[in-house]
Amino acid sequence: MQTIARHPRRILFAFLATLLVFGCGESYSASASANLTKFKMKTLDGAKVTGPSDFAGKVVVVDFWATWCGPCHLQAKILEKVHKDVEGKNVQFLAANTGETVDQVKAFVKDKPFSYPVLVDTEDVASDLGVFALPTLLIIDTHGKVAYFEAGLVDADTIRKVLKKAGS
């Protein structure tokens, strides 16, 4: 029988894996929070748009994703249902692809379109914001403050609760 003391690397790995899967809660600094609300990315057609600050007075949902990320596809399905539920309300959804080229994202979106704007992070903004796992969901409230910032899958009920609390 092996003891825990003999395998500190396994314990450390298990701990780090747990943090990655479950996130670290809402432990972000005020400066990080300000960065999360002011980033810029380009849309698929090349327009410079679309950080949350471009949608002042709205709740903004930003889904950081990639075409190769299986859980991201599940998150997109969940978000699509919530998006339909809140369509016409004071909420802006954005799909922020990370780590891929515009051509890769265009090819993916051609077969699997989004019903809201798709952004492409060609300048690694996600890393600057502290997005280190995919999917990651960011929700900004109507006052421009971070209401939610978590890595991992988020269920529809949780998203709806955060949206309501954020002012939608």
Protein backbone atom coordinates (compact mmCIF):
# COMPACT_ATOMS: atom_id res chain seq x y z
CA MET A 1 0.00 0.00 0.00
CA GLN A 2 1.40 3.39 -0.98
CA THR A 3 1.05 6.36 1.30
CA ILE A 4 0.05 9.87 0.32
CA ALA A 5 3.37 11.24 1.57
CA ARG A 6 5.22 9.26 -1.10
CA HIS A 7 3.35 10.97 -3.95
CA PRO A 8 3.41 14.74 -3.42
CA ARG A 9 3.44 15.37 -7.20
CA ARG A 10 0.23 13.41 -7.65
CA ILE A 11 -1.40 15.34 -4.84
CA LEU A 12 -0.27 18.66 -6.32
CA PHE A 13 -1.51 17.60 -9.77
CA ALA A 14 -4.89 16.55 -8.36
CA PHE A 15 -5.21 19.86 -6.51
CA LEU A 16 -4.34 21.90 -9.61
CA ALA A 17 -6.69 19.83 -11.76
CA THR A 18 -9.50 20.46 -9.26
CA LEU A 19 -8.85 24.21 -9.42
CA LEU A 20 -8.91 24.10 -13.20
CA VAL A 21 -12.19 22.18 -13.36
CA PHE A 22 -14.03 24.09 -10.67
CA GLY A 23 -12.41 27.49 -11.11
CA CYS A 24 -11.26 29.75 -8.37
CA GLY A 25 -14.47 31.61 -7.64
CA GLU A 26 -14.79 35.34 -8.09
CA SER A 27 -11.32 36.12 -6.79
CA TYR A 28 -10.20 38.78 -9.21
CA SER A 29 -8.77 42.17 -8.37
CA ALA A 30 -10.33 45.55 -9.13
CA SER A 31 -7.72 46.17 -11.85
CA ALA A 32 -8.44 42.78 -13.43
CA SER A 33 -12.14 43.58 -13.26
CA ALA A 34 -11.56 46.86 -15.09
CA ASN A 35 -9.60 45.03 -17.81
CA LEU A 36 -12.44 42.54 -18.24
CA THR A 37 -14.86 45.31 -19.10
CA LYS A 38 -12.69 47.28 -21.56
CA PHE A 39 -11.10 44.85 -24.00
CA LYS A 40 -11.46 45.09 -27.78
CA MET A 41 -11.53 42.34 -30.40
CA LYS A 42 -12.49 42.15 -34.05
CA THR A 43 -15.62 40.66 -35.53
CA LEU A 44 -15.37 38.04 -38.27
CA ASP A 45 -15.68 40.76 -40.91
CA GLY A 46 -12.74 42.66 -39.41
CA ALA A 47 -14.62 45.47 -37.69
CA LYS A 48 -12.97 46.67 -34.49
CA VAL A 49 -15.72 46.39 -32.00
CA THR A 50 -16.97 44.82 -29.16
CA GLY A 51 -15.65 44.90 -25.77
CA PRO A 52 -18.33 45.04 -23.13
CA SER A 53 -17.83 48.81 -22.82
CA ASP A 54 -19.33 49.19 -26.31
CA PHE A 55 -22.65 48.03 -24.90
CA ALA A 56 -23.08 50.50 -22.04
CA GLY A 57 -26.25 49.99 -20.05
CA LYS A 58 -26.67 46.39 -21.20
CA VAL A 59 -25.81 43.12 -19.57
CA VAL A 60 -23.01 41.63 -21.69
CA VAL A 61 -22.33 37.89 -21.87
CA VAL A 62 -18.95 36.93 -23.33
CA ASP A 63 -18.28 33.27 -24.01
CA PHE A 64 -14.57 32.53 -24.55
CA TRP A 65 -14.34 29.43 -26.74
CA ALA A 66 -12.43 27.59 -29.47
CA THR A 67 -13.53 25.39 -32.36
CA TRP A 68 -11.53 22.38 -31.08
CA CYS A 69 -13.00 22.59 -27.55
CA GLY A 70 -15.72 19.96 -26.96
CA PRO A 71 -17.06 21.54 -23.75
CA CYS A 72 -17.22 24.88 -25.61
CA HIS A 73 -19.71 23.32 -28.04
CA LEU A 74 -21.89 22.26 -25.10
CA GLN A 75 -21.65 25.73 -23.58
CA ALA A 76 -22.67 27.29 -26.90
CA LYS A 77 -25.82 25.12 -26.98
CA ILE A 78 -26.70 26.21 -23.45
CA LEU A 79 -26.07 29.85 -24.29
CA GLU A 80 -28.14 29.60 -27.47
CA LYS A 81 -31.19 28.50 -25.44
CA VAL A 82 -30.69 31.30 -22.90
CA HIS A 83 -30.13 33.80 -25.72
CA LYS A 84 -33.49 32.84 -27.26
CA ASP A 85 -35.17 33.25 -23.86
CA VAL A 86 -33.83 36.77 -23.33
CA GLU A 87 -33.89 37.99 -26.94
CA GLY A 88 -35.18 41.55 -27.11
CA LYS A 89 -34.19 42.23 -23.52
CA ASN A 90 -31.27 44.31 -22.32
CA VAL A 91 -28.63 41.61 -22.94
CA GLN A 92 -25.84 41.37 -25.52
CA PHE A 93 -24.21 37.99 -26.18
CA LEU A 94 -20.74 37.71 -27.72
CA ALA A 95 -18.82 34.58 -28.72
CA ALA A 96 -15.09 35.35 -28.31
CA ASN A 97 -12.96 32.75 -30.07
CA THR A 98 -9.44 32.43 -28.70
CA GLY A 99 -6.24 31.13 -30.24
CA GLU A 100 -7.43 30.56 -33.79
CA THR A 101 -7.28 32.38 -37.10
CA VAL A 102 -10.14 34.27 -38.67
CA ASP A 103 -10.27 31.69 -41.47
CA GLN A 104 -10.56 28.79 -39.01
CA VAL A 105 -13.39 30.51 -37.16
CA LYS A 106 -15.21 31.51 -40.37
CA ALA A 107 -15.09 27.90 -41.60
CA PHE A 108 -16.49 26.64 -38.30
CA VAL A 109 -19.22 29.28 -38.08
CA LYS A 110 -20.26 28.58 -41.68
CA ASP A 111 -21.36 25.10 -40.58
CA LYS A 112 -22.41 25.99 -37.05
CA PRO A 113 -23.58 29.62 -36.97
CA PHE A 114 -24.11 31.67 -33.84
CA SER A 115 -27.19 33.87 -33.45
CA TYR A 116 -25.04 36.62 -31.92
CA PRO A 117 -21.73 38.29 -32.88
CA VAL A 118 -18.58 36.17 -33.10
CA LEU A 119 -15.30 37.83 -32.17
CA VAL A 120 -11.81 36.60 -32.95
CA ASP A 121 -9.02 37.12 -30.42
CA THR A 122 -6.06 37.52 -32.76
CA GLU A 123 -4.01 39.45 -30.20
CA ASP A 124 -4.32 37.04 -27.24
CA VAL A 125 -6.56 39.37 -25.26
CA ALA A 126 -8.00 36.36 -23.42
CA SER A 127 -4.69 35.60 -21.72
CA ASP A 128 -4.34 39.24 -20.70
CA LEU A 129 -7.79 39.00 -19.11
CA GLY A 130 -6.94 35.85 -17.16
CA VAL A 131 -8.77 33.36 -19.38
CA PHE A 132 -6.68 30.22 -19.05
CA ALA A 133 -9.28 27.50 -19.64
CA LEU A 134 -12.11 27.05 -22.10
CA PRO A 135 -14.93 27.62 -22.03
CA THR A 136 -14.85 30.68 -19.80
CA LEU A 137 -17.93 32.80 -19.26
CA LEU A 138 -17.82 36.51 -18.46
CA ILE A 139 -20.96 38.47 -17.58
CA ILE A 140 -20.87 42.25 -17.14
CA ASP A 141 -23.80 43.94 -15.40
CA THR A 142 -25.66 47.05 -16.59
CA HIS A 143 -23.29 49.25 -14.58
CA GLY A 144 -20.21 47.86 -16.32
CA LYS A 145 -19.10 45.70 -13.39
CA VAL A 146 -18.12 42.05 -13.52
CA ALA A 147 -21.08 39.98 -12.35
CA TYR A 148 -19.61 36.58 -13.23
CA PHE A 149 -16.24 35.27 -14.46
CA GLU A 150 -15.72 31.51 -14.35
CA ALA A 151 -14.01 28.77 -16.33
CA GLY A 152 -15.90 25.58 -17.11
CA LEU A 153 -19.42 24.72 -18.18
CA VAL A 154 -22.20 26.86 -16.75
CA ASP A 155 -25.76 25.57 -16.70
CA ALA A 156 -28.71 27.58 -18.04
CA ASP A 157 -30.30 28.15 -14.62
CA THR A 158 -27.11 29.68 -13.24
CA ILE A 159 -26.76 31.91 -16.29
CA ARG A 160 -30.36 33.08 -15.99
CA LYS A 161 -29.89 33.88 -12.28
CA VAL A 162 -26.72 35.88 -12.98
CA LEU A 163 -28.43 37.73 -15.84
CA LYS A 164 -31.34 38.67 -13.61
CA LYS A 165 -29.03 39.84 -10.84
CA ALA A 166 -26.93 41.76 -13.40
CA GLY A 167 -29.93 43.77 -14.55
CA SER A 168 -31.50 42.00 -17.50
